[in-house]
Amino acid sequence: MAHLLHIDSSIKGDQSVSRRLSARAADAWRAAHPDGTVTYRDLGAHPLPHLDTAGGLARMVPPEDHTPAQAASWRLSQEVIEEVRQADTILLGLPLYNFGAPSSVKSWVDHLIGAGAVDYENGTGLLGGREFIVLASRGGGYAPGTPRDGWDHAEQWLPHGVSMTGLEPRFITAELTLAETTPAMAELIPLAVKSLAAAEDAIDRLWTPASVAV
């Protein structure tokens, strides 16, 4: 039975474009997999704790020597890894905050890099072969040729961040999402509408019979 892991990370609730896109993708996945099951994790509402001095070193200490804090951190990492391991498809809603990924996503990746996700003896990832689709949103414009080309460090970072696990993200991005609420960007509204429509169209084609056959 097909299984979906759906993750959101925006803190904007119903106003979030990335949540809107990931919800659309999840609905499309359910339509294509009517017998499938879904696990949902909301990093925006319930962020994972960042690795700290109390528990973060659990990844460098044998489990039998863990302190209580290290044991708790280790259990959480194993939970995160198992969620990915059980999934055939992963959807991640990824807004751009201050030119980077939300810190909650960085924490999720930090918990994901560990025993069970990486074979450290031969340096290979153990979570490859899964469909990993990132539904990204950017308030401004970062396309090639724009003044801020290269400033989107979230899309640059994530493939490297998860590379040790074998996961390979595919991005579907809507940009200029702040155009309708930012007077200085009013002239960019038509481009924002076009970008959002293109992202929605790409989502709608993810699990159509033609795309599955390819």
Protein backbone atom coordinates (compact mmCIF):
# COMPACT_ATOMS: atom_id res chain seq x y z
CA MET A 1 0.00 0.00 0.00
CA ALA A 2 1.37 3.40 -0.99
CA HIS A 3 2.25 5.76 1.84
CA LEU A 4 2.70 9.55 1.81
CA LEU A 5 4.67 11.67 4.27
CA HIS A 6 3.32 15.24 4.11
CA ILE A 7 5.36 17.92 5.87
CA ASP A 8 4.63 21.63 6.24
CA SER A 9 6.98 24.22 7.71
CA SER A 10 5.41 27.64 7.16
CA ILE A 11 4.45 29.69 10.21
CA LYS A 12 1.79 31.65 8.28
CA GLY A 13 -1.10 29.22 8.65
CA ASP A 14 -3.93 29.73 6.16
CA GLN A 15 -2.02 32.62 4.54
CA SER A 16 0.84 30.34 3.52
CA VAL A 17 1.41 29.68 -0.17
CA SER A 18 3.65 26.69 0.50
CA ARG A 19 0.91 25.11 2.64
CA ARG A 20 -1.59 25.76 -0.13
CA LEU A 21 0.69 24.05 -2.64
CA SER A 22 1.52 21.09 -0.42
CA ALA A 23 -2.17 20.57 0.38
CA ARG A 24 -2.95 20.59 -3.34
CA ALA A 25 -0.20 18.04 -3.93
CA ALA A 26 -1.46 15.84 -1.09
CA ASP A 27 -4.98 15.93 -2.54
CA ALA A 28 -3.60 14.97 -5.95
CA TRP A 29 -1.63 12.12 -4.41
CA ARG A 30 -4.72 10.83 -2.59
CA ALA A 31 -6.73 10.94 -5.81
CA ALA A 32 -4.05 8.87 -7.54
CA HIS A 33 -3.67 6.49 -4.59
CA PRO A 34 -7.19 6.04 -3.14
CA ASP A 35 -6.05 3.18 -0.92
CA GLY A 36 -2.90 4.99 0.25
CA THR A 37 -2.14 6.16 3.76
CA VAL A 38 -0.76 9.49 4.95
CA THR A 39 1.44 10.71 7.81
CA TYR A 40 1.41 14.45 8.44
CA ARG A 41 4.04 16.48 10.30
CA ASP A 42 3.69 20.24 10.87
CA LEU A 43 7.10 21.71 11.58
CA GLY A 44 5.67 25.23 11.67
CA ALA A 45 3.27 24.43 14.51
CA HIS A 46 5.37 21.75 16.20
CA PRO A 47 9.06 22.26 15.36
CA LEU A 48 11.56 19.61 16.26
CA PRO A 49 14.05 20.71 18.92
CA HIS A 50 17.37 21.80 17.52
CA LEU A 51 20.40 19.73 18.38
CA ASP A 52 21.92 21.22 21.53
CA THR A 53 24.64 20.50 24.05
CA ALA A 54 22.31 18.42 26.22
CA GLY A 55 21.15 15.88 23.63
CA GLY A 56 22.82 16.61 20.32
CA LEU A 57 25.89 14.47 20.92
CA ALA A 58 23.71 11.34 20.99
CA ARG A 59 24.86 10.72 17.42
CA MET A 60 28.46 10.41 18.62
CA VAL A 61 27.85 8.33 21.74
CA PRO A 62 26.93 4.61 21.89
CA PRO A 63 23.24 4.26 22.77
CA GLU A 64 24.07 2.34 25.93
CA ASP A 65 26.01 5.38 27.17
CA HIS A 66 23.32 7.96 26.43
CA THR A 67 22.27 10.43 29.07
CA PRO A 68 18.48 10.85 29.44
CA ALA A 69 18.60 13.95 27.22
CA GLN A 70 20.68 12.15 24.60
CA ALA A 71 18.35 9.16 24.67
CA ALA A 72 15.33 11.43 24.10
CA SER A 73 17.05 13.20 21.20
CA TRP A 74 18.06 9.86 19.69
CA ARG A 75 14.52 8.48 19.92
CA LEU A 76 13.18 11.55 18.14
CA SER A 77 15.73 11.18 15.35
CA GLN A 78 14.77 7.54 14.89
CA GLU A 79 11.12 8.57 14.71
CA VAL A 80 11.90 11.11 11.98
CA ILE A 81 13.96 8.57 10.03
CA GLU A 82 11.26 5.92 10.32
CA GLU A 83 8.62 8.32 8.98
CA VAL A 84 10.71 8.78 5.85
CA ARG A 85 11.54 5.08 5.60
CA GLN A 86 7.84 4.17 5.61
CA ALA A 87 7.00 6.67 2.85
CA ASP A 88 6.94 6.07 -0.88
CA THR A 89 6.42 9.80 -1.49
CA ILE A 90 7.47 12.79 0.62
CA LEU A 91 5.95 16.24 0.22
CA LEU A 92 7.69 19.17 1.90
CA GLY A 93 6.22 22.67 1.98
CA LEU A 94 9.22 24.99 1.99
CA PRO A 95 8.86 28.78 2.28
CA LEU A 96 11.89 31.04 1.93
CA TYR A 97 12.69 32.92 5.13
CA ASN A 98 15.45 35.54 5.08
CA PHE A 99 16.89 33.91 1.95
CA GLY A 100 17.11 30.47 3.56
CA ALA A 101 15.07 27.53 4.76
CA PRO A 102 13.06 27.85 7.98
CA SER A 103 15.15 26.77 10.95
CA SER A 104 12.58 24.04 11.61
CA VAL A 105 13.50 22.41 8.29
CA LYS A 106 17.20 22.58 9.17
CA SER A 107 16.36 20.84 12.46
CA TRP A 108 14.37 18.17 10.60
CA VAL A 109 17.35 17.52 8.34
CA ASP A 110 19.71 17.38 11.34
CA HIS A 111 17.52 14.74 12.96
CA LEU A 112 17.30 12.86 9.67
CA ILE A 113 21.07 12.47 9.30
CA GLY A 114 21.79 9.49 11.50
CA ALA A 115 21.96 5.75 11.90
CA GLY A 116 19.22 4.20 9.82
CA ALA A 117 19.41 6.90 7.16
CA VAL A 118 23.11 6.67 6.35
CA ASP A 119 25.47 3.70 6.13
CA TYR A 120 28.57 5.35 7.53
CA GLU A 121 30.81 2.36 6.76
CA ASN A 122 30.50 2.77 3.01
CA GLY A 123 29.12 6.31 2.89
CA THR A 124 25.84 5.48 1.16
CA GLY A 125 22.35 6.73 1.88
CA LEU A 126 19.66 4.30 2.96
CA LEU A 127 16.61 6.37 2.04
CA GLY A 128 17.07 6.68 -1.72
CA GLY A 129 14.48 5.60 -4.26
CA ARG A 130 11.67 7.63 -2.74
CA GLU A 131 9.80 10.43 -4.45
CA PHE A 132 10.70 13.67 -2.66
CA ILE A 133 8.78 16.68 -3.90
CA VAL A 134 9.39 20.13 -2.42
CA LEU A 135 6.60 22.70 -2.76
CA ALA A 136 8.52 25.94 -2.41
CA SER A 137 7.37 29.54 -2.16
CA ARG A 138 9.40 32.72 -2.44
CA GLY A 139 8.12 36.18 -1.67
CA GLY A 140 10.36 37.84 -4.23
CA GLY A 141 11.90 36.99 -7.55
CA TYR A 142 15.08 34.91 -7.66
CA ALA A 143 15.08 33.56 -11.21
CA PRO A 144 18.21 33.71 -13.37
CA GLY A 145 18.81 37.25 -14.57
CA THR A 146 16.99 38.93 -11.69
CA PRO A 147 18.85 41.17 -9.21
CA ARG A 148 18.59 38.47 -6.54
CA ASP A 149 19.53 35.49 -8.67
CA GLY A 150 21.36 33.09 -6.34
CA TRP A 151 19.93 34.52 -3.12
CA ASP A 152 17.56 31.59 -2.60
CA HIS A 153 19.78 29.52 -0.34
CA ALA A 154 16.98 27.13 0.64
CA GLU A 155 16.79 25.49 -2.78
CA GLN A 156 20.57 25.50 -3.06
CA TRP A 157 21.06 23.94 0.36
CA LEU A 158 18.40 21.23 0.69
CA PRO A 159 19.73 18.81 -1.96
CA HIS A 160 23.12 18.93 -0.26
CA GLY A 161 21.60 18.77 3.22
CA VAL A 162 19.83 15.47 2.54
CA SER A 163 22.35 14.04 0.06
CA MET A 164 23.92 11.67 2.62
CA THR A 165 20.54 9.93 3.00
CA GLY A 166 20.09 9.26 -0.71
CA LEU A 167 17.04 11.52 -0.98
CA GLU A 168 16.89 13.69 -4.11
CA PRO A 169 14.39 16.55 -3.92
CA ARG A 170 12.43 17.83 -6.91
CA PHE A 171 11.30 21.45 -6.59
CA ILE A 172 8.02 23.01 -7.69
CA THR A 173 8.22 26.71 -6.89
CA ALA A 174 5.90 29.69 -6.84
CA GLU A 175 7.63 33.03 -6.50
CA LEU A 176 6.71 36.71 -6.10
CA THR A 177 4.12 35.58 -3.55
CA LEU A 178 4.30 38.94 -1.73
CA ALA A 179 3.36 40.94 -4.83
CA GLU A 180 -0.35 41.21 -3.99
CA THR A 181 0.31 42.52 -0.46
CA THR A 182 3.36 44.70 -1.11
CA PRO A 183 2.60 48.03 -2.84
CA ALA A 184 6.13 48.34 -4.20
CA MET A 185 5.66 45.01 -6.01
CA ALA A 186 2.24 45.77 -7.51
CA GLU A 187 3.54 45.76 -11.09
CA LEU A 188 4.76 42.19 -10.54
CA ILE A 189 1.31 40.78 -9.72
CA PRO A 190 0.78 39.36 -13.25
CA LEU A 191 4.11 37.51 -12.98
CA ALA A 192 3.15 36.24 -9.53
CA VAL A 193 -0.17 34.93 -10.83
CA LYS A 194 1.62 33.23 -13.71
CA SER A 195 4.20 31.63 -11.40
CA LEU A 196 1.53 30.29 -9.03
CA ALA A 197 -0.52 28.92 -11.91
CA ALA A 198 2.54 27.17 -13.33
CA ALA A 199 3.28 25.59 -9.94
CA GLU A 200 -0.31 24.42 -9.57
CA ASP A 201 -0.26 22.96 -13.07
CA ALA A 202 2.96 21.09 -12.32
CA ILE A 203 1.36 19.67 -9.17
CA ASP A 204 -1.76 18.60 -11.04
CA ARG A 205 0.39 16.63 -13.49
CA LEU A 206 2.47 14.82 -10.87
CA TRP A 207 0.45 11.61 -10.73
CA THR A 208 -1.55 11.69 -13.93
CA PRO A 209 -1.42 8.45 -15.92
CA ALA A 210 0.96 10.03 -18.45
CA SER A 211 3.40 11.23 -15.81
CA VAL A 212 3.34 7.89 -13.98
CA ALA A 213 4.08 6.05 -17.23
CA VAL A 214 7.15 8.20 -17.81
